[in-house]
């Protein structure tokens, strides 16, 4: 499993527009084969900064999404709203814990 983080900074007044667009696209993104989870996060200090956090079964499933019709529809529209270039990271999960009683620990085996 991999995690993809994308940091996006929007021009003044575009945050609400982005949120509307994301609401329309999120079901298509999560339906992509290999996508396990999708979150939209917002910076608590700079309200024009958002992150998407998604979990993918493999780097190949993420790459297939990046070549998909959904990505081709989403990315150019979102990119046009940016105040600065996006930054993205693809990460492997080394350890994952949650408070007992929430969900079981899903730490990958060593």
PDB file of N, CA and C in Angstrom:
ATOM      1  N   UNK A   1       0.840  -1.177   0.000  1.00  0.00           N
ATOM      2  CA  UNK A   1       0.000   0.000   0.000  1.00  0.00           C
ATOM      3  C   UNK A   1       0.883   1.237   0.000  1.00  0.00           C
ATOM      4  N   UNK A   2       0.435   2.264  -0.727  1.00  0.00           N
ATOM      5  CA  UNK A   2       1.117   3.553  -0.715  1.00  0.00           C
ATOM      6  C   UNK A   2       0.120   4.649  -0.359  1.00  0.00           C
ATOM      7  N   UNK A   3       0.656   5.753   0.113  1.00  0.00           N
ATOM      8  CA  UNK A   3      -0.144   6.936   0.437  1.00  0.00           C
ATOM      9  C   UNK A   3       0.337   8.061  -0.468  1.00  0.00           C
ATOM     10  N   UNK A   4      -0.595   8.779  -1.025  1.00  0.00           N
ATOM     11  CA  UNK A   4      -0.274   9.926  -1.873  1.00  0.00           C
ATOM     12  C   UNK A   4      -0.788  11.178  -1.177  1.00  0.00           C
ATOM     13  N   UNK A   5       0.121  12.127  -0.937  1.00  0.00           N
ATOM     14  CA  UNK A   5      -0.238  13.433  -0.381  1.00  0.00           C
ATOM     15  C   UNK A   5      -0.005  14.475  -1.462  1.00  0.00           C
ATOM     16  N   UNK A   6      -0.990  15.330  -1.661  1.00  0.00           N
ATOM     17  CA  UNK A   6      -0.853  16.422  -2.624  1.00  0.00           C
ATOM     18  C   UNK A   6      -1.247  17.710  -1.918  1.00  0.00           C
ATOM     19  N   UNK A   7      -0.317  18.672  -1.909  1.00  0.00           N
ATOM     20  CA  UNK A   7      -0.559  19.982  -1.294  1.00  0.00           C
ATOM     21  C   UNK A   7      -0.916  20.962  -2.405  1.00  0.00           C
ATOM     22  N   UNK A   8      -2.042  21.650  -2.229  1.00  0.00           N
ATOM     23  CA  UNK A   8      -2.509  22.599  -3.227  1.00  0.00           C
ATOM     24  C   UNK A   8      -2.820  23.936  -2.554  1.00  0.00           C
ATOM     25  N   UNK A   9      -2.310  25.019  -3.123  1.00  0.00           N
ATOM     26  CA  UNK A   9      -2.575  26.364  -2.630  1.00  0.00           C
ATOM     27  C   UNK A   9      -3.384  27.092  -3.691  1.00  0.00           C
ATOM     28  N   UNK A  10      -4.547  27.590  -3.287  1.00  0.00           N
ATOM     29  CA  UNK A  10      -5.466  28.206  -4.234  1.00  0.00           C
ATOM     30  C   UNK A  10      -5.413  29.730  -4.187  1.00  0.00           C
ATOM     31  N   UNK A  11      -5.715  30.335  -5.324  1.00  0.00           N
ATOM     32  CA  UNK A  11      -5.801  31.788  -5.396  1.00  0.00           C
ATOM     33  C   UNK A  11      -6.930  32.270  -4.486  1.00  0.00           C
ATOM     34  N   UNK A  12      -6.833  33.511  -4.002  1.00  0.00           N
ATOM     35  CA  UNK A  12      -7.907  34.045  -3.155  1.00  0.00           C
ATOM     36  C   UNK A  12      -9.265  33.902  -3.844  1.00  0.00           C
ATOM     37  N   UNK A  13     -10.228  33.424  -3.071  1.00  0.00           N
ATOM     38  CA  UNK A  13     -11.586  33.253  -3.583  1.00  0.00           C
ATOM     39  C   UNK A  13     -11.849  31.945  -4.302  1.00  0.00           C
ATOM     40  N   UNK A  14     -10.830  31.122  -4.531  1.00  0.00           N
ATOM     41  CA  UNK A  14     -11.015  29.870  -5.281  1.00  0.00           C
ATOM     42  C   UNK A  14     -11.213  28.646  -4.393  1.00  0.00           C
ATOM     43  N   UNK A  15     -11.010  28.773  -3.080  1.00  0.00           N
ATOM     44  CA  UNK A  15     -11.131  27.619  -2.192  1.00  0.00           C
ATOM     45  C   UNK A  15     -12.541  27.032  -2.232  1.00  0.00           C
ATOM     46  N   UNK A  16     -13.540  27.871  -2.150  1.00  0.00           N
ATOM     47  CA  UNK A  16     -14.926  27.372  -2.174  1.00  0.00           C
ATOM     48  C   UNK A  16     -15.237  26.704  -3.515  1.00  0.00           C
ATOM     49  N   UNK A  17     -14.737  27.277  -4.600  1.00  0.00           N
ATOM     50  CA  UNK A  17     -14.940  26.678  -5.923  1.00  0.00           C
ATOM     51  C   UNK A  17     -14.289  25.291  -5.974  1.00  0.00           C
ATOM     52  N   UNK A  18     -13.051  25.187  -5.455  1.00  0.00           N
ATOM     53  CA  UNK A  18     -12.387  23.887  -5.418  1.00  0.00           C
ATOM     54  C   UNK A  18     -13.198  22.874  -4.611  1.00  0.00           C
ATOM     55  N   UNK A  19     -13.716  23.272  -3.455  1.00  0.00           N
ATOM     56  CA  UNK A  19     -14.500  22.353  -2.624  1.00  0.00           C
ATOM     57  C   UNK A  19     -15.725  21.837  -3.376  1.00  0.00           C
ATOM     58  N   UNK A  20     -16.390  22.702  -4.113  1.00  0.00           N
ATOM     59  CA  UNK A  20     -17.540  22.273  -4.920  1.00  0.00           C
ATOM     60  C   UNK A  20     -17.110  21.262  -5.976  1.00  0.00           C
ATOM     61  N   UNK A  21     -16.013  21.562  -6.656  1.00  0.00           N
ATOM     62  CA  UNK A  21     -15.510  20.643  -7.676  1.00  0.00           C
ATOM     63  C   UNK A  21     -15.132  19.297  -7.065  1.00  0.00           C
ATOM     64  N   UNK A  22     -14.423  19.332  -5.937  1.00  0.00           N
ATOM     65  CA  UNK A  22     -14.015  18.094  -5.271  1.00  0.00           C
ATOM     66  C   UNK A  22     -15.229  17.251  -4.901  1.00  0.00           C
ATOM     67  N   UNK A  23     -16.263  17.889  -4.380  1.00  0.00           N
ATOM     68  CA  UNK A  23     -17.489  17.146  -4.033  1.00  0.00           C
ATOM     69  C   UNK A  23     -18.080  16.433  -5.240  1.00  0.00           C
ATOM     70  N   UNK A  24     -17.976  17.034  -6.391  1.00  0.00           N
ATOM     71  CA  UNK A  24     -18.487  16.404  -7.606  1.00  0.00           C
ATOM     72  C   UNK A  24     -17.617  15.278  -8.116  1.00  0.00           C
ATOM     73  N   UNK A  25     -16.316  15.351  -7.870  1.00  0.00           N
ATOM     74  CA  UNK A  25     -15.373  14.366  -8.404  1.00  0.00           C
ATOM     75  C   UNK A  25     -15.013  13.248  -7.450  1.00  0.00           C
ATOM     76  N   UNK A  26     -15.201  13.449  -6.172  1.00  0.00           N
ATOM     77  CA  UNK A  26     -14.657  12.495  -5.187  1.00  0.00           C
ATOM     78  C   UNK A  26     -15.173  11.069  -5.380  1.00  0.00           C
ATOM     79  N   UNK A  27     -16.414  10.924  -5.807  1.00  0.00           N
ATOM     80  CA  UNK A  27     -16.961   9.572  -6.005  1.00  0.00           C
ATOM     81  C   UNK A  27     -16.302   8.873  -7.193  1.00  0.00           C
ATOM     82  N   UNK A  28     -15.945   9.632  -8.215  1.00  0.00           N
ATOM     83  CA  UNK A  28     -15.235   9.049  -9.358  1.00  0.00           C
ATOM     84  C   UNK A  28     -13.819   8.641  -8.959  1.00  0.00           C
ATOM     85  N   UNK A  29     -13.175   9.470  -8.142  1.00  0.00           N
ATOM     86  CA  UNK A  29     -11.801   9.163  -7.731  1.00  0.00           C
ATOM     87  C   UNK A  29     -11.761   7.907  -6.871  1.00  0.00           C
ATOM     88  N   UNK A  30     -12.624   7.828  -5.857  1.00  0.00           N
ATOM     89  CA  UNK A  30     -12.610   6.675  -4.946  1.00  0.00           C
ATOM     90  C   UNK A  30     -13.021   5.385  -5.676  1.00  0.00           C
ATOM     91  N   UNK A  31     -13.766   5.516  -6.765  1.00  0.00           N
ATOM     92  CA  UNK A  31     -14.185   4.342  -7.539  1.00  0.00           C
ATOM     93  C   UNK A  31     -13.078   3.814  -8.443  1.00  0.00           C
ATOM     94  N   UNK A  32     -11.969   4.520  -8.532  1.00  0.00           N
ATOM     95  CA  UNK A  32     -10.849   4.074  -9.355  1.00  0.00           C
ATOM     96  C   UNK A  32     -10.291   2.763  -8.788  1.00  0.00           C
ATOM     97  N   UNK A  33     -10.091   1.753  -9.631  1.00  0.00           N
ATOM     98  CA  UNK A  33      -9.507   0.510  -9.133  1.00  0.00           C
ATOM     99  C   UNK A  33      -8.186   0.769  -8.408  1.00  0.00           C
ATOM    100  N   UNK A  34      -8.064   0.201  -7.215  1.00  0.00           N
ATOM    101  CA  UNK A  34      -6.850   0.347  -6.428  1.00  0.00           C
ATOM    102  C   UNK A  34      -6.885   1.478  -5.420  1.00  0.00           C
ATOM    103  N   UNK A  35      -7.871   2.365  -5.496  1.00  0.00           N
ATOM    104  CA  UNK A  35      -7.981   3.456  -4.528  1.00  0.00           C
ATOM    105  C   UNK A  35      -8.727   2.938  -3.303  1.00  0.00           C
ATOM    106  N   UNK A  36      -8.055   2.945  -2.152  1.00  0.00           N
ATOM    107  CA  UNK A  36      -8.647   2.416  -0.921  1.00  0.00           C
ATOM    108  C   UNK A  36      -9.292   3.487  -0.063  1.00  0.00           C
ATOM    109  N   UNK A  37      -8.786   4.741  -0.162  1.00  0.00           N
ATOM    110  CA  UNK A  37      -9.259   5.791   0.723  1.00  0.00           C
ATOM    111  C   UNK A  37      -8.925   7.131   0.107  1.00  0.00           C
ATOM    112  N   UNK A  38      -9.780   8.126   0.362  1.00  0.00           N
ATOM    113  CA  UNK A  38      -9.557   9.479  -0.131  1.00  0.00           C
ATOM    114  C   UNK A  38     -10.009  10.463   0.932  1.00  0.00           C
ATOM    115  N   UNK A  39      -9.145  11.418   1.272  1.00  0.00           N
ATOM    116  CA  UNK A  39      -9.484  12.469   2.231  1.00  0.00           C
ATOM    117  C   UNK A  39      -9.133  13.820   1.632  1.00  0.00           C
ATOM    118  N   UNK A  40      -9.913  14.824   1.994  1.00  0.00           N
ATOM    119  CA  UNK A  40      -9.581  16.210   1.702  1.00  0.00           C
ATOM    120  C   UNK A  40      -9.332  16.889   3.036  1.00  0.00           C
ATOM    121  N   UNK A  41      -8.155  17.489   3.175  1.00  0.00           N
ATOM    122  CA  UNK A  41      -7.745  18.139   4.409  1.00  0.00           C
ATOM    123  C   UNK A  41      -7.505  19.616   4.121  1.00  0.00           C
ATOM    124  N   UNK A  42      -7.746  20.476   5.126  1.00  0.00           N
ATOM    125  CA  UNK A  42      -7.542  21.913   4.959  1.00  0.00           C
ATOM    126  C   UNK A  42      -6.640  22.437   6.062  1.00  0.00           C
ATOM    127  N   UNK A  43      -5.688  23.256   5.691  1.00  0.00           N
ATOM    128  CA  UNK A  43      -4.755  23.846   6.641  1.00  0.00           C
ATOM    129  C   UNK A  43      -5.518  24.713   7.641  1.00  0.00           C
ATOM    130  N   UNK A  44      -5.168  24.596   8.917  1.00  0.00           N
ATOM    131  CA  UNK A  44      -5.869  25.365   9.955  1.00  0.00           C
ATOM    132  C   UNK A  44      -5.403  26.806  10.015  1.00  0.00           C
ATOM    133  N   UNK A  45      -4.213  27.091   9.505  1.00  0.00           N
ATOM    134  CA  UNK A  45      -3.677  28.451   9.543  1.00  0.00           C
ATOM    135  C   UNK A  45      -3.904  29.213   8.242  1.00  0.00           C
ATOM    136  N   UNK A  46      -3.686  28.550   7.121  1.00  0.00           N
ATOM    137  CA  UNK A  46      -3.849  29.175   5.804  1.00  0.00           C
ATOM    138  C   UNK A  46      -4.997  28.474   5.099  1.00  0.00           C
ATOM    139  N   UNK A  47      -6.154  29.078   5.103  1.00  0.00           N
ATOM    140  CA  UNK A  47      -7.376  28.441   4.604  1.00  0.00           C
ATOM    141  C   UNK A  47      -7.394  28.290   3.086  1.00  0.00           C
ATOM    142  N   UNK A  48      -6.371  28.796   2.399  1.00  0.00           N
ATOM    143  CA  UNK A  48      -6.283  28.601   0.951  1.00  0.00           C
ATOM    144  C   UNK A  48      -5.478  27.349   0.598  1.00  0.00           C
ATOM    145  N   UNK A  49      -4.963  26.646   1.621  1.00  0.00           N
ATOM    146  CA  UNK A  49      -4.145  25.453   1.405  1.00  0.00           C
ATOM    147  C   UNK A  49      -4.945  24.202   1.754  1.00  0.00           C
ATOM    148  N   UNK A  50      -4.972  23.270   0.818  1.00  0.00           N
ATOM    149  CA  UNK A  50      -5.643  21.979   0.985  1.00  0.00           C
ATOM    150  C   UNK A  50      -4.643  20.871   0.680  1.00  0.00           C
ATOM    151  N   UNK A  51      -4.912  19.718   1.242  1.00  0.00           N
ATOM    152  CA  UNK A  51      -4.171  18.500   0.924  1.00  0.00           C
ATOM    153  C   UNK A  51      -5.184  17.430   0.548  1.00  0.00           C
ATOM    154  N   UNK A  52      -4.838  16.605  -0.402  1.00  0.00           N
ATOM    155  CA  UNK A  52      -5.567  15.353  -0.567  1.00  0.00           C
ATOM    156  C   UNK A  52      -4.645  14.259  -0.045  1.00  0.00           C
ATOM    157  N   UNK A  53      -5.245  13.307   0.614  1.00  0.00           N
ATOM    158  CA  UNK A  53      -4.535  12.123   1.093  1.00  0.00           C
ATOM    159  C   UNK A  53      -5.300  10.931   0.550  1.00  0.00           C
ATOM    160  N   UNK A  54      -4.617  10.107  -0.202  1.00  0.00           N
ATOM    161  CA  UNK A  54      -5.267   8.920  -0.752  1.00  0.00           C
ATOM    162  C   UNK A  54      -4.380   7.714  -0.518  1.00  0.00           C
ATOM    163  N   UNK A  55      -5.018   6.581  -0.356  1.00  0.00           N
ATOM    164  CA  UNK A  55      -4.309   5.312  -0.192  1.00  0.00           C
ATOM    165  C   UNK A  55      -4.575   4.472  -1.434  1.00  0.00           C
ATOM    166  N   UNK A  56      -3.499   3.847  -1.924  1.00  0.00           N
ATOM    167  CA  UNK A  56      -3.560   3.049  -3.148  1.00  0.00           C
ATOM    168  C   UNK A  56      -2.955   1.679  -2.896  1.00  0.00           C
ATOM    169  N   UNK A  57      -3.489   0.680  -3.570  1.00  0.00           N
ATOM    170  CA  UNK A  57      -2.989  -0.684  -3.409  1.00  0.00           C
ATOM    171  C   UNK A  57      -1.536  -0.815  -3.838  1.00  0.00           C
ATOM    172  N   UNK A  58      -1.131  -0.036  -4.849  1.00  0.00           N
ATOM    173  CA  UNK A  58       0.236  -0.153  -5.369  1.00  0.00           C
ATOM    174  C   UNK A  58       0.597   1.118  -6.135  1.00  0.00           C
ATOM    175  N   UNK A  59       1.889   1.323  -6.393  1.00  0.00           N
ATOM    176  CA  UNK A  59       2.271   2.447  -7.253  1.00  0.00           C
ATOM    177  C   UNK A  59       1.638   2.348  -8.642  1.00  0.00           C
ATOM    178  N   UNK A  60       1.447   1.132  -9.107  1.00  0.00           N
ATOM    179  CA  UNK A  60       0.833   0.938 -10.426  1.00  0.00           C
ATOM    180  C   UNK A  60      -0.626   1.395 -10.451  1.00  0.00           C
ATOM    181  N   UNK A  61      -1.356   1.156  -9.355  1.00  0.00           N
ATOM    182  CA  UNK A  61      -2.751   1.608  -9.331  1.00  0.00           C
ATOM    183  C   UNK A  61      -2.827   3.136  -9.303  1.00  0.00           C
ATOM    184  N   UNK A  62      -1.911   3.785  -8.593  1.00  0.00           N
ATOM    185  CA  UNK A  62      -1.867   5.254  -8.613  1.00  0.00           C
ATOM    186  C   UNK A  62      -1.531   5.745 -10.014  1.00  0.00           C
ATOM    187  N   UNK A  63      -0.561   5.117 -10.640  1.00  0.00           N
ATOM    188  CA  UNK A  63      -0.169   5.541 -11.988  1.00  0.00           C
ATOM    189  C   UNK A  63      -1.303   5.330 -12.986  1.00  0.00           C
ATOM    190  N   UNK A  64      -2.065   4.257 -12.834  1.00  0.00           N
ATOM    191  CA  UNK A  64      -3.226   4.021 -13.715  1.00  0.00           C
ATOM    192  C   UNK A  64      -4.251   5.141 -13.532  1.00  0.00           C
ATOM    193  N   UNK A  65      -4.470   5.571 -12.296  1.00  0.00           N
ATOM    194  CA  UNK A  65      -5.375   6.705 -12.056  1.00  0.00           C
ATOM    195  C   UNK A  65      -4.844   7.959 -12.750  1.00  0.00           C
ATOM    196  N   UNK A  66      -3.547   8.204 -12.652  1.00  0.00           N
ATOM    197  CA  UNK A  66      -2.973   9.414 -13.239  1.00  0.00           C
ATOM    198  C   UNK A  66      -3.061   9.396 -14.768  1.00  0.00           C
ATOM    199  N   UNK A  67      -3.290   8.225 -15.370  1.00  0.00           N
ATOM    200  CA  UNK A  67      -3.482   8.101 -16.820  1.00  0.00           C
ATOM    201  C   UNK A  67      -4.958   7.984 -17.191  1.00  0.00           C
ATOM    202  N   UNK A  68      -5.852   8.077 -16.209  1.00  0.00           N
ATOM    203  CA  UNK A  68      -7.278   7.831 -16.448  1.00  0.00           C
ATOM    204  C   UNK A  68      -8.017   9.062 -16.974  1.00  0.00           C
ATOM    205  N   UNK A  69      -9.216   8.809 -17.496  1.00  0.00           N
ATOM    206  CA  UNK A  69     -10.092   9.889 -17.954  1.00  0.00           C
ATOM    207  C   UNK A  69     -10.506  10.782 -16.784  1.00  0.00           C
ATOM    208  N   UNK A  70     -10.692  10.185 -15.608  1.00  0.00           N
ATOM    209  CA  UNK A  70     -11.057  10.984 -14.430  1.00  0.00           C
ATOM    210  C   UNK A  70      -9.970  12.003 -14.128  1.00  0.00           C
ATOM    211  N   UNK A  71      -8.719  11.570 -14.059  1.00  0.00           N
ATOM    212  CA  UNK A  71      -7.615  12.493 -13.785  1.00  0.00           C
ATOM    213  C   UNK A  71      -7.529  13.550 -14.883  1.00  0.00           C
ATOM    214  N   UNK A  72      -7.721  13.153 -16.132  1.00  0.00           N
ATOM    215  CA  UNK A  72      -7.675  14.098 -17.256  1.00  0.00           C
ATOM    216  C   UNK A  72      -8.764  15.157 -17.134  1.00  0.00           C
ATOM    217  N   UNK A  73      -9.899  14.795 -16.537  1.00  0.00           N
ATOM    218  CA  UNK A  73     -10.981  15.762 -16.304  1.00  0.00           C
ATOM    219  C   UNK A  73     -10.681  16.672 -15.113  1.00  0.00           C
ATOM    220  N   UNK A  74     -10.129  16.090 -14.051  1.00  0.00           N
ATOM    221  CA  UNK A  74      -9.942  16.790 -12.779  1.00  0.00           C
ATOM    222  C   UNK A  74      -8.745  17.741 -12.802  1.00  0.00           C
ATOM    223  N   UNK A  75      -7.585  17.221 -13.141  1.00  0.00           N
ATOM    224  CA  UNK A  75      -6.348  17.967 -12.899  1.00  0.00           C
ATOM    225  C   UNK A  75      -6.252  19.308 -13.626  1.00  0.00           C
ATOM    226  N   UNK A  76      -6.564  19.407 -14.917  1.00  0.00           N
ATOM    227  CA  UNK A  76      -6.427  20.706 -15.579  1.00  0.00           C
ATOM    228  C   UNK A  76      -7.340  21.786 -14.979  1.00  0.00           C
ATOM    229  N   UNK A  77      -8.526  21.403 -14.549  1.00  0.00           N
ATOM    230  CA  UNK A  77      -9.459  22.363 -13.956  1.00  0.00           C
ATOM    231  C   UNK A  77      -8.941  22.839 -12.604  1.00  0.00           C
ATOM    232  N   UNK A  78      -8.485  21.894 -11.769  1.00  0.00           N
ATOM    233  CA  UNK A  78      -7.970  22.247 -10.444  1.00  0.00           C
ATOM    234  C   UNK A  78      -6.688  23.071 -10.580  1.00  0.00           C
ATOM    235  N   UNK A  79      -5.806  22.655 -11.444  1.00  0.00           N
ATOM    236  CA  UNK A  79      -4.519  23.334 -11.632  1.00  0.00           C
ATOM    237  C   UNK A  79      -4.711  24.802 -12.010  1.00  0.00           C
ATOM    238  N   UNK A  80      -5.746  25.103 -12.762  1.00  0.00           N
ATOM    239  CA  UNK A  80      -6.019  26.484 -13.180  1.00  0.00           C
ATOM    240  C   UNK A  80      -6.386  27.392 -12.004  1.00  0.00           C
ATOM    241  N   UNK A  81      -6.745  26.810 -10.853  1.00  0.00           N
ATOM    242  CA  UNK A  81      -7.145  27.585  -9.677  1.00  0.00           C
ATOM    243  C   UNK A  81      -5.984  27.857  -8.720  1.00  0.00           C
ATOM    244  N   UNK A  82      -4.806  27.292  -8.984  1.00  0.00           N
ATOM    245  CA  UNK A  82      -3.670  27.363  -8.063  1.00  0.00           C
ATOM    246  C   UNK A  82      -3.049  28.756  -7.997  1.00  0.00           C
ATOM    247  N   UNK A  83      -2.607  29.117  -6.801  1.00  0.00           N
ATOM    248  CA  UNK A  83      -1.793  30.310  -6.587  1.00  0.00           C
ATOM    249  C   UNK A  83      -0.311  29.958  -6.675  1.00  0.00           C
ATOM    250  N   UNK A  84       0.014  28.679  -6.487  1.00  0.00           N
ATOM    251  CA  UNK A  84       1.393  28.181  -6.526  1.00  0.00           C
ATOM    252  C   UNK A  84       1.347  26.748  -7.040  1.00  0.00           C
ATOM    253  N   UNK A  85       2.456  26.259  -7.586  1.00  0.00           N
ATOM    254  CA  UNK A  85       2.456  24.867  -8.054  1.00  0.00           C
ATOM    255  C   UNK A  85       2.151  23.898  -6.905  1.00  0.00           C
ATOM    256  N   UNK A  86       1.471  22.827  -7.240  1.00  0.00           N
ATOM    257  CA  UNK A  86       1.179  21.783  -6.255  1.00  0.00           C
ATOM    258  C   UNK A  86       2.469  21.039  -5.910  1.00  0.00           C
ATOM    259  N   UNK A  87       2.480  20.448  -4.730  1.00  0.00           N
ATOM    260  CA  UNK A  87       3.578  19.573  -4.312  1.00  0.00           C
ATOM    261  C   UNK A  87       2.966  18.222  -3.980  1.00  0.00           C
ATOM    262  N   UNK A  88       3.637  17.149  -4.369  1.00  0.00           N
ATOM    263  CA  UNK A  88       3.082  15.815  -4.149  1.00  0.00           C
ATOM    264  C   UNK A  88       4.161  14.873  -3.654  1.00  0.00           C
ATOM    265  N   UNK A  89       3.731  13.950  -2.797  1.00  0.00           N
ATOM    266  CA  UNK A  89       4.609  12.934  -2.244  1.00  0.00           C
ATOM    267  C   UNK A  89       3.911  11.594  -2.330  1.00  0.00           C
ATOM    268  N   UNK A  90       4.651  10.564  -2.698  1.00  0.00           N
ATOM    269  CA  UNK A  90       4.153   9.193  -2.676  1.00  0.00           C
ATOM    270  C   UNK A  90       4.966   8.469  -1.609  1.00  0.00           C
ATOM    271  N   UNK A  91       4.268   7.909  -0.628  1.00  0.00           N
ATOM    272  CA  UNK A  91       4.905   7.369   0.570  1.00  0.00           C
ATOM    273  C   UNK A  91       4.470   5.935   0.820  1.00  0.00           C
ATOM    274  N   UNK A  92       5.385   5.159   1.402  1.00  0.00           N
ATOM    275  CA  UNK A  92       5.039   3.827   1.881  1.00  0.00           C
ATOM    276  C   UNK A  92       4.725   3.930   3.363  1.00  0.00           C
ATOM    277  N   UNK A  93       3.731   3.197   3.806  1.00  0.00           N
ATOM    278  CA  UNK A  93       3.362   3.183   5.218  1.00  0.00           C
ATOM    279  C   UNK A  93       4.341   2.280   5.954  1.00  0.00           C
ATOM    280  N   UNK A  94       5.047   2.841   6.896  1.00  0.00           N
ATOM    281  CA  UNK A  94       5.996   2.075   7.719  1.00  0.00           C
ATOM    282  C   UNK A  94       5.338   1.576   8.996  1.00  0.00           C
ATOM    283  N   UNK A  95       4.412   2.357   9.515  1.00  0.00           N
ATOM    284  CA  UNK A  95       3.739   1.987  10.757  1.00  0.00           C
ATOM    285  C   UNK A  95       2.433   2.766  10.832  1.00  0.00           C
ATOM    286  N   UNK A  96       1.405   2.123  11.318  1.00  0.00           N
ATOM    287  CA  UNK A  96       0.102   2.768  11.471  1.00  0.00           C
ATOM    288  C   UNK A  96      -0.540   2.259  12.754  1.00  0.00           C
ATOM    289  N   UNK A  97      -0.950   3.184  13.604  1.00  0.00           N
ATOM    290  CA  UNK A  97      -1.651   2.816  14.840  1.00  0.00           C
ATOM    291  C   UNK A  97      -2.868   3.703  14.982  1.00  0.00           C
ATOM    292  N   UNK A  98      -3.867   3.179  15.625  1.00  0.00           N
ATOM    293  CA  UNK A  98      -5.028   3.964  16.002  1.00  0.00           C
ATOM    294  C   UNK A  98      -5.333   3.671  17.450  1.00  0.00           C
ATOM    295  N   UNK A  99      -6.046   4.574  18.046  1.00  0.00           N
ATOM    296  CA  UNK A  99      -6.434   4.395  19.439  1.00  0.00           C
ATOM    297  C   UNK A  99      -7.183   3.080  19.587  1.00  0.00           C
ATOM    298  N   UNK A 100      -6.897   2.315  20.641  1.00  0.00           N
ATOM    299  CA  UNK A 100      -7.608   1.044  20.848  1.00  0.00           C
ATOM    300  C   UNK A 100      -9.122   1.263  20.845  1.00  0.00           C
ATOM    301  N   UNK A 101      -9.812   0.371  20.213  1.00  0.00           N
ATOM    302  CA  UNK A 101     -11.261   0.464  20.151  1.00  0.00           C
ATOM    303  C   UNK A 101     -11.767   1.179  18.909  1.00  0.00           C
ATOM    304  N   UNK A 102     -10.860   1.862  18.191  1.00  0.00           N
ATOM    305  CA  UNK A 102     -11.279   2.561  16.976  1.00  0.00           C
ATOM    306  C   UNK A 102     -11.289   1.608  15.804  1.00  0.00           C
ATOM    307  N   UNK A 103     -10.130   1.037  15.562  1.00  0.00           N
ATOM    308  CA  UNK A 103      -9.917   0.045  14.499  1.00  0.00           C
ATOM    309  C   UNK A 103      -8.681  -0.723  14.878  1.00  0.00           C
ATOM    310  N   UNK A 104      -8.517  -1.877  14.327  1.00  0.00           N
ATOM    311  CA  UNK A 104      -7.321  -2.649  14.671  1.00  0.00           C
ATOM    312  C   UNK A 104      -6.085  -2.030  14.031  1.00  0.00           C
ATOM    313  N   UNK A 105      -4.949  -2.251  14.628  1.00  0.00           N
ATOM    314  CA  UNK A 105      -3.664  -1.785  14.124  1.00  0.00           C
ATOM    315  C   UNK A 105      -3.428  -2.415  12.761  1.00  0.00           C
ATOM    316  N   UNK A 106      -3.087  -1.592  11.771  1.00  0.00           N
ATOM    317  CA  UNK A 106      -2.872  -2.106  10.415  1.00  0.00           C
ATOM    318  C   UNK A 106      -1.423  -1.927   9.968  1.00  0.00           C
ATOM    319  N   UNK A 107      -0.499  -2.047  10.923  1.00  0.00           N
ATOM    320  CA  UNK A 107       0.920  -1.929  10.601  1.00  0.00           C
ATOM    321  C   UNK A 107       1.328  -3.065   9.681  1.00  0.00           C
ATOM    322  N   UNK A 108       1.979  -2.720   8.533  1.00  0.00           N
ATOM    323  CA  UNK A 108       2.442  -3.803   7.661  1.00  0.00           C
ATOM    324  C   UNK A 108       3.455  -4.669   8.392  1.00  0.00           C
ATOM    325  N   UNK A 109       3.488  -5.952   8.112  1.00  0.00           N
ATOM    326  CA  UNK A 109       4.464  -6.835   8.754  1.00  0.00           C
ATOM    327  C   UNK A 109       5.884  -6.448   8.358  1.00  0.00           C
ATOM    328  N   UNK A 110       6.815  -6.656   9.283  1.00  0.00           N
ATOM    329  CA  UNK A 110       8.235  -6.298   9.027  1.00  0.00           C
ATOM    330  C   UNK A 110       8.869  -7.261   8.057  1.00  0.00           C
TER     331      UNK A 110
END
